[in-house]
Every structure is written in structure tokens, then in C-alpha cells.
Amino acid sequence: MYRILGRTQLKVSVLGFGGIPIRTLSLDEAVKVVRRAFELGVNFYDTARNYADSERKIGAALNDVRSEVYIATKTASRTYDEAMRDLEASLSELGTTYVDVWQLHGVNNFETLEQVLAPNGALAALKDAKQDGKIRFIGITGHRPDVLLKAIETGEFDTVQFPFNYLATEAERELIPRAEQLNIGMIIMKPLAGGELSNAKAALRFIIQYPISTVIPGMKSIAEVEENAKTLFEDWELTDEDLKVIDEDKRRLNKVFCRGCMYCMPCPQGIPISQLLRIESIVRRVGVTEWVKSIYREAKEKVPSCIKCKQCEEKCPYELPITEMLPEKLAWLEKLVLEMQN
């Protein structure tokens, strides 16, 4: 199944390839997984400058079929010069002369949005790169629908990437309808809620009932690629059994699952609330990286300073018991890190 990626007019596979998990594979293993996706009809591949060596592995797998696929990557830089350096590095790693969609990565608050939209911000680099033929289209990614809604209203973006699944449906209210009105291609990340959802088939089928363009689950095995391709290319209609699974997951997870919307941030005490609440799903996707260890060090220092002001709980749209969850998540992470050191 293929859909049009908004005003880009690219005809993309409704199943895209999320490039985070292959960072944990060897080059040979990663190439096999990516190549199997291509063989099954996947033509949209999403990666990022800060996904370790994901760009290099995707480039190696798709080099000889470059004209048959669409590659999207991202820059987390906020200034013109830094973004341009990222682009040159991405092109080198991917082994290509152009990127189909270059995206501003993780624009999660209004201050960051203002920074990238400024005259010397990262958006200016994307626009110049497009004019120079190094990229074809401009995108933006983030976790907060309200920030992304303001971004797409500027008219600067061809695509928007955001989390959406049956536990995190906030985008359904305004972002999805407005993006559809503006003919902006919608790329869905975290369709399985970081591995929390119990049935991938139900999760993917739920999402493609909406007017989105492509869904990019992270996949790191040929079996995962084949199962997801079968679901979205052959057997994509929601069943009664799917609806039952969805209802059960909602009852089980609604009050304990962090959607990563980041409304709880910033914490007056500097606690990395959102990262810590999502730490288990982060570790499942990327392993215990140096970034994960830095979250641990920061949380170990800051969580004991929580004064239970509960500002985070007041701002959380899902009414999570955040002040109770933080020490639990820290204990889980500390046990994991200590086990690795022993």
C-alpha cells in the first residue's frame, strides 16, 4: 500500500523504516534487514544525524537502488552553520548527493521553534540546501502537537513527524486535521509506544485508519520487517480482536505510560522527568548508551531533590502520578547500570 506524502507528491509506502534500532546491529546484519524491507516494497527510510551509525548502514544497504527509495534524515542543530555541517556529514554517511526529506529534529517547545525559525536559525540552512539541490523537501519532527501545529502554520514545512498511537492520540484533535488541510505529509513515529503495546498488528492497523502518509516503526530483524509488511501491505483492516486488544492496553497502561509529550517540563528542580519516565522504552530501542547513562547520572543527582510541588502532575494531560513514578524509574535504571558495571 502506498500513499502520497502531502505536497511533496512522493508516493511512499505506508510502512516506512525507522532507523534507530539498527544502530545496535553489525553492518552486515543491518544491511540484510534494510534490504529485506526494500525487497518487500518499503521505499521510505527515516534516520537522523544523531542515530549513531544508522545513516551509514542505511546508505550501504540502499546505495545501488538510491533512485528507487526516499531517504529522510534529521538535524538536531538549531543554528545555520551547525545544521549545514550536519548535512554534509549526513550526505557523506549516506553515500548520496541529496536527501529527499531533511527534517528539524525534536522541536519540542516554542522557544526552540523560535530559535530554528530565526534569520540565522537551522531552517535557513534547510531552505538554502533545497535551493542548492542537496535536499528535496523540508520537514520538522517533535513530540508536542501544539508546537508542531504552530510550525506548520508558517507554511515552511512539507512534512511533519510526530508520535501517534492508540495511547497517545492528542494529535488527532488539531494537528492531523490541520496537516491534512494544508496538504502536509504526516510521518508517524513511535507507533508501538516504544514497545509498550502488546500487539504490533493492532497498533499499526489503528494508525493507518487516519489520513497519515507513512508509519515508521523501528525494526531490527528480518522477522519484524516481514510481519509489519504483511500487516500493512496485505492485511491492514482493523478486526474485532484488534479492538479488544486496544481496549485492554488502554485499561492497563493509561495511568502508567508516559507519552513523551513533555508538557511536564521543565522541572523547577531540574529533574529530567520525561526522559526518566520513558527510560525503559528508550533502553529497549537503543540499549544502554552514553546518553542513557547521562540520564541516569542526572536523575540520580536530581530526583532526591524533588519537593513534590506536583507542578508536573498538574501539567500532565494524562494525569500520571509522576512524583511516585520518578523514584521507581530511577531504581530500575540504577539496577540496570550497576549490573552492567559488575
Protein backbone atom coordinates (compact mmCIF):
# COMPACT_ATOMS: atom_id res chain seq x y z
CA MET A 1 0.00 0.00 0.00
CA TYR A 2 1.29 3.44 -0.93
CA ARG A 3 0.14 6.96 -0.13
CA ILE A 4 1.13 10.44 -1.22
CA LEU A 5 3.40 12.31 1.21
CA GLY A 6 1.41 15.54 1.20
CA ARG A 7 2.51 18.30 -1.12
CA THR A 8 5.83 16.58 -1.81
CA GLN A 9 3.83 14.31 -4.14
CA LEU A 10 6.20 11.45 -3.28
CA LYS A 11 4.41 8.10 -3.42
CA VAL A 12 5.63 6.44 -0.23
CA SER A 13 4.99 3.02 1.28
CA VAL A 14 2.57 3.24 4.19
CA LEU A 15 5.11 1.13 6.08
CA GLY A 16 8.30 3.13 6.40
CA PHE A 17 11.55 2.09 8.07
CA GLY A 18 12.51 3.69 11.38
CA GLY A 19 16.29 3.80 11.58
CA ILE A 20 17.03 3.93 15.32
CA PRO A 21 17.27 0.20 16.22
CA ILE A 22 19.78 -0.81 13.54
CA ARG A 23 22.42 1.15 15.41
CA THR A 24 22.71 -1.92 17.67
CA LEU A 25 23.33 -4.29 14.72
CA SER A 26 26.55 -5.04 12.87
CA LEU A 27 26.87 -3.51 9.42
CA ASP A 28 26.20 -6.84 7.74
CA GLU A 29 23.13 -7.56 9.88
CA ALA A 30 21.74 -4.06 9.37
CA VAL A 31 22.17 -4.23 5.60
CA LYS A 32 20.25 -7.51 5.48
CA VAL A 33 17.35 -6.07 7.50
CA VAL A 34 17.13 -2.86 5.46
CA ARG A 35 17.48 -4.76 2.20
CA ARG A 36 14.65 -7.13 3.15
CA ALA A 37 12.41 -4.13 3.74
CA PHE A 38 13.25 -2.88 0.25
CA GLU A 39 12.51 -6.29 -1.28
CA LEU A 40 9.07 -6.27 0.33
CA GLY A 41 8.16 -2.84 -1.05
CA VAL A 42 9.26 -0.39 1.65
CA ASN A 43 10.54 2.75 -0.08
CA PHE A 44 10.68 5.31 2.76
CA TYR A 45 13.61 5.24 5.20
CA ASP A 46 13.96 7.56 8.19
CA THR A 47 17.18 8.15 10.08
CA ALA A 48 18.99 11.04 11.80
CA ARG A 49 22.42 12.56 12.28
CA ASN A 50 22.42 11.54 15.95
CA TYR A 51 21.29 7.91 15.47
CA ALA A 52 24.88 6.70 15.81
CA ASP A 53 25.84 4.92 12.54
CA SER A 54 22.28 4.42 11.29
CA GLU A 55 22.84 6.71 8.30
CA ARG A 56 25.90 4.77 7.19
CA LYS A 57 24.11 1.43 7.42
CA ILE A 58 21.04 2.65 5.53
CA GLY A 59 23.26 4.19 2.87
CA ALA A 60 25.23 0.97 2.47
CA ALA A 61 22.06 -1.08 2.10
CA LEU A 62 20.39 1.19 -0.45
CA ASN A 63 23.29 2.63 -2.44
CA ASP A 64 22.57 0.64 -5.61
CA VAL A 65 18.83 1.37 -5.51
CA ARG A 66 19.04 5.01 -4.44
CA SER A 67 16.74 6.26 -7.21
CA GLU A 68 14.03 3.82 -6.12
CA VAL A 69 13.78 4.92 -2.48
CA TYR A 70 13.18 8.03 -0.41
CA ILE A 71 15.57 8.81 2.43
CA ALA A 72 14.71 11.20 5.25
CA THR A 73 17.23 12.31 7.83
CA LYS A 74 17.36 15.00 10.51
CA THR A 75 19.47 17.64 12.16
CA ALA A 76 19.14 18.46 15.85
CA SER A 77 21.23 21.59 15.35
CA ARG A 78 19.49 24.91 15.88
CA THR A 79 21.77 27.31 14.00
CA TYR A 80 22.53 27.74 10.31
CA ASP A 81 26.21 26.80 10.40
CA GLU A 82 25.75 23.76 12.64
CA ALA A 83 22.90 22.46 10.50
CA MET A 84 24.95 22.82 7.34
CA ARG A 85 27.77 20.81 8.92
CA ASP A 86 25.25 18.14 9.84
CA LEU A 87 24.00 17.98 6.25
CA GLU A 88 27.47 17.43 4.83
CA ALA A 89 28.06 14.68 7.38
CA SER A 90 24.71 13.06 6.57
CA LEU A 91 25.36 13.09 2.84
CA SER A 92 28.77 11.54 3.39
CA GLU A 93 27.46 8.83 5.73
CA LEU A 94 24.51 8.00 3.47
CA GLY A 95 26.73 7.95 0.41
CA THR A 96 24.36 10.13 -1.58
CA THR A 97 24.35 13.57 -3.19
CA TYR A 98 20.91 14.51 -1.90
CA VAL A 99 18.35 13.79 0.82
CA ASP A 100 14.68 13.52 -0.08
CA VAL A 101 13.39 14.96 3.22
CA TRP A 102 15.63 16.85 5.65
CA GLN A 103 13.95 17.47 8.98
CA LEU A 104 14.46 19.69 12.00
CA HIS A 105 14.79 17.14 14.79
CA GLY A 106 12.96 17.27 18.12
CA VAL A 107 11.43 20.75 18.12
CA ASN A 108 9.60 20.23 21.40
CA ASN A 109 8.88 23.72 22.74
CA PHE A 110 8.05 27.17 21.44
CA GLU A 111 11.45 28.58 22.39
CA THR A 112 13.23 26.04 20.19
CA LEU A 113 10.78 26.71 17.37
CA GLU A 114 11.58 30.43 17.54
CA GLN A 115 15.29 29.62 17.51
CA VAL A 116 15.17 27.49 14.36
CA LEU A 117 12.89 29.98 12.59
CA ALA A 118 15.21 32.92 13.35
CA PRO A 119 17.15 34.54 10.46
CA ASN A 120 20.31 32.58 11.29
CA GLY A 121 18.44 29.51 12.53
CA ALA A 122 18.51 25.99 11.19
CA LEU A 123 15.50 26.48 8.91
CA ALA A 124 17.52 28.93 6.80
CA ALA A 125 20.04 26.14 6.21
CA LEU A 126 17.30 23.77 5.07
CA LYS A 127 15.98 26.36 2.64
CA ASP A 128 19.43 27.08 1.18
CA ALA A 129 20.15 23.35 0.90
CA LYS A 130 16.91 22.90 -1.01
CA GLN A 131 17.82 25.71 -3.37
CA ASP A 132 21.23 24.09 -3.93
CA GLY A 133 19.64 20.71 -4.75
CA LYS A 134 21.09 18.92 -1.73
CA ILE A 135 17.64 18.24 -0.30
CA ARG A 136 14.25 17.98 -1.96
CA PHE A 137 11.81 18.76 0.85
CA ILE A 138 11.75 20.31 4.33
CA GLY A 139 10.29 18.66 7.42
CA ILE A 140 10.01 19.04 11.17
CA THR A 141 9.70 16.50 13.99
CA GLY A 142 8.67 16.77 17.61
CA HIS A 143 6.58 15.37 20.44
CA ARG A 144 4.24 18.28 21.17
CA PRO A 145 1.29 18.69 18.79
CA ASP A 146 0.73 22.30 19.85
CA VAL A 147 4.30 23.28 18.89
CA LEU A 148 4.11 21.39 15.60
CA LEU A 149 0.75 22.96 14.82
CA LYS A 150 2.29 26.41 15.10
CA ALA A 151 5.22 25.26 12.96
CA ILE A 152 3.12 24.01 10.06
CA GLU A 153 1.04 27.18 10.10
CA THR A 154 4.17 29.06 8.97
CA GLY A 155 3.94 27.36 5.57
CA GLU A 156 7.64 26.47 5.71
CA PHE A 157 7.33 22.71 6.09
CA ASP A 158 6.42 19.99 3.61
CA THR A 159 6.23 17.20 6.20
CA VAL A 160 5.63 16.82 9.91
CA GLN A 161 6.69 13.82 12.02
CA PHE A 162 5.14 13.10 15.40
CA PRO A 163 4.26 10.24 17.80
CA PHE A 164 0.82 8.74 17.35
CA ASN A 165 -0.67 5.53 18.66
CA TYR A 166 -3.79 4.44 20.48
CA LEU A 167 -2.35 5.56 23.81
CA ALA A 168 -1.13 8.93 22.51
CA THR A 169 -3.92 10.43 20.43
CA GLU A 170 -3.59 14.13 21.17
CA ALA A 171 -2.56 14.86 17.57
CA GLU A 172 -5.98 13.66 16.45
CA ARG A 173 -7.67 16.79 17.78
CA GLU A 174 -5.94 19.54 15.82
CA LEU A 175 -2.60 18.57 14.29
CA ILE A 176 -3.79 15.78 12.00
CA PRO A 177 -6.83 17.65 10.63
CA ARG A 178 -4.81 20.83 10.04
CA ALA A 179 -1.92 19.00 8.38
CA GLU A 180 -4.42 17.31 6.10
CA GLN A 181 -5.98 20.69 5.23
CA LEU A 182 -2.55 22.15 4.45
CA ASN A 183 -1.54 19.06 2.45
CA ILE A 184 1.46 18.41 4.67
CA GLY A 185 2.80 14.86 4.66
CA MET A 186 2.41 13.12 8.01
CA ILE A 187 5.10 10.71 9.20
CA ILE A 188 4.17 8.71 12.31
CA MET A 189 6.85 7.74 14.81
CA LYS A 190 6.52 5.59 17.94
CA PRO A 191 3.55 3.65 16.57
CA LEU A 192 4.19 0.90 19.12
CA ALA A 193 4.70 3.34 22.01
CA GLY A 194 8.33 2.33 22.44
CA GLY A 195 7.42 -1.34 22.64
CA GLU A 196 4.77 -0.92 25.33
CA LEU A 197 1.84 -2.00 23.16
CA SER A 198 1.05 -5.70 23.25
CA ASN A 199 0.19 -6.27 19.59
CA ALA A 200 2.04 -4.64 16.69
CA LYS A 201 -0.64 -5.61 14.18
CA ALA A 202 -3.40 -3.86 16.11
CA ALA A 203 -1.20 -0.80 16.68
CA LEU A 204 -0.27 -0.39 13.02
CA ARG A 205 -3.78 -1.08 11.75
CA PHE A 206 -5.14 1.54 14.16
CA ILE A 207 -2.84 4.24 12.78
CA ILE A 208 -3.45 3.76 9.08
CA GLN A 209 -7.16 4.36 9.53
CA TYR A 210 -6.10 8.03 9.75
CA PRO A 211 -5.04 10.25 6.81
CA ILE A 212 -1.34 9.84 7.54
CA SER A 213 1.22 9.09 4.84
CA THR A 214 3.66 6.62 6.37
CA VAL A 215 4.34 4.87 9.68
CA ILE A 216 7.98 4.27 10.68
CA PRO A 217 8.28 1.56 13.34
CA GLY A 218 11.84 0.80 14.37
CA MET A 219 12.80 -2.64 13.03
CA LYS A 220 15.96 -4.58 13.73
CA SER A 221 15.20 -8.07 12.45
CA ILE A 222 14.01 -9.59 9.21
CA ALA A 223 11.14 -11.21 11.13
CA GLU A 224 9.89 -7.80 12.32
CA VAL A 225 10.13 -6.40 8.80
CA GLU A 226 8.20 -9.30 7.34
CA GLU A 227 5.48 -9.21 9.98
CA ASN A 228 4.95 -5.45 9.68
CA ALA A 229 4.96 -5.59 5.89
CA LYS A 230 2.35 -8.33 5.89
CA THR A 231 0.20 -6.29 8.27
CA LEU A 232 0.25 -3.05 6.30
CA PHE A 233 0.59 -4.33 2.75
CA GLU A 234 -1.78 -7.29 2.89
CA ASP A 235 -3.98 -7.39 5.98
CA TRP A 236 -4.45 -3.84 7.20
CA GLU A 237 -8.11 -3.67 8.25
CA LEU A 238 -8.90 -3.42 11.96
CA THR A 239 -10.59 -6.52 13.36
CA ASP A 240 -12.80 -7.05 16.39
CA GLU A 241 -9.86 -8.82 18.02
CA ASP A 242 -7.68 -5.73 17.40
CA LEU A 243 -10.26 -3.51 19.08
CA LYS A 244 -10.32 -5.84 22.07
CA VAL A 245 -6.52 -5.68 22.36
CA ILE A 246 -6.61 -1.89 22.12
CA ASP A 247 -9.20 -1.61 24.90
CA GLU A 248 -7.20 -3.95 27.15
CA ASP A 249 -3.98 -2.00 26.59
CA LYS A 250 -5.71 1.28 27.36
CA ARG A 251 -7.02 -0.07 30.66
CA ARG A 252 -3.59 -1.48 31.55
CA LEU A 253 -1.40 1.44 30.56
CA ASN A 254 -3.39 4.68 30.56
CA LYS A 255 -2.28 5.77 34.04
CA VAL A 256 1.30 4.49 33.96
CA PHE A 257 2.51 5.15 30.42
CA CYS A 258 4.40 8.36 29.59
CA ARG A 259 3.56 9.55 26.07
CA GLY A 260 6.60 11.80 25.88
CA CYS A 261 4.55 14.95 25.25
CA MET A 262 6.89 16.89 27.58
CA TYR A 263 4.18 19.16 28.95
CA CYS A 264 5.61 18.32 32.39
CA MET A 265 8.89 20.05 31.53
CA PRO A 266 10.82 21.94 32.71
CA CYS A 267 11.03 20.80 36.31
CA PRO A 268 11.87 23.53 38.87
CA GLN A 269 14.44 21.15 40.37
CA GLY A 270 15.94 20.24 37.00
CA ILE A 271 14.77 16.62 37.03
CA PRO A 272 14.73 15.07 33.50
CA ILE A 273 11.14 13.95 34.02
CA SER A 274 10.13 12.91 30.51
CA GLN A 275 13.34 11.04 29.76
CA LEU A 276 13.25 9.17 33.06
CA LEU A 277 9.59 8.19 32.77
CA ARG A 278 10.28 6.75 29.30
CA ILE A 279 13.61 5.19 30.19
CA GLU A 280 12.50 1.56 29.85
CA SER A 281 11.21 2.02 26.32
CA ILE A 282 14.31 4.08 25.43
CA VAL A 283 16.61 1.29 26.61
CA ARG A 284 14.58 -1.25 24.65
CA ARG A 285 15.15 0.75 21.47
CA VAL A 286 18.74 1.93 21.80
CA GLY A 287 20.34 -0.02 24.65
CA VAL A 288 22.36 1.49 27.49
CA THR A 289 24.13 4.21 25.52
CA GLU A 290 26.25 7.03 26.91
CA TRP A 291 23.16 9.24 26.64
CA VAL A 292 21.17 6.80 28.78
CA LYS A 293 24.00 6.79 31.32
CA SER A 294 23.94 10.60 31.37
CA ILE A 295 20.21 10.49 32.15
CA TYR A 296 21.00 8.11 34.99
CA ARG A 297 23.67 10.40 36.43
CA GLU A 298 21.42 13.44 36.18
CA ALA A 299 18.42 11.63 37.65
CA LYS A 300 20.47 10.16 40.50
CA GLU A 301 21.55 13.66 41.43
CA LYS A 302 18.24 15.44 40.91
CA VAL A 303 15.42 13.03 41.83
CA PRO A 304 16.23 13.17 45.60
CA SER A 305 15.75 16.94 45.40
CA CYS A 306 12.09 16.57 44.32
CA ILE A 307 9.99 18.70 46.67
CA LYS A 308 6.73 17.16 45.45
CA CYS A 309 5.41 20.52 44.30
CA LYS A 310 3.46 18.47 41.76
CA GLN A 311 3.64 21.13 39.06
CA CYS A 312 4.47 18.30 36.66
CA GLU A 313 1.35 16.37 37.65
CA GLU A 314 -0.82 19.46 37.24
CA LYS A 315 0.53 19.94 33.70
CA CYS A 316 0.36 16.27 32.66
CA PRO A 317 -2.65 15.84 30.33
CA TYR A 318 -2.77 12.13 31.20
CA GLU A 319 -2.84 12.64 35.00
CA LEU A 320 0.12 10.37 35.65
CA PRO A 321 1.32 10.03 39.28
CA ILE A 322 4.70 11.43 38.28
CA THR A 323 6.14 12.05 41.73
CA GLU A 324 5.53 8.39 42.60
CA MET A 325 6.88 7.11 39.29
CA LEU A 326 10.19 9.00 39.30
CA PRO A 327 11.92 7.09 42.14
CA GLU A 328 10.60 3.81 40.72
CA LYS A 329 12.08 4.51 37.29
CA LEU A 330 15.37 5.67 38.85
CA ALA A 331 15.60 2.44 40.86
CA TRP A 332 15.03 0.38 37.70
CA LEU A 333 17.68 2.30 35.78
CA GLU A 334 20.19 2.20 38.65
CA LYS A 335 19.85 -1.58 38.92
CA LEU A 336 20.45 -1.93 35.19
CA VAL A 337 23.52 0.32 35.14
CA LEU A 338 25.05 -1.36 38.21
CA GLU A 339 24.51 -4.82 36.71
CA MET A 340 26.40 -3.72 33.61
CA GLN A 341 29.30 -2.47 35.69
CA ASN A 342 29.65 -5.75 37.60
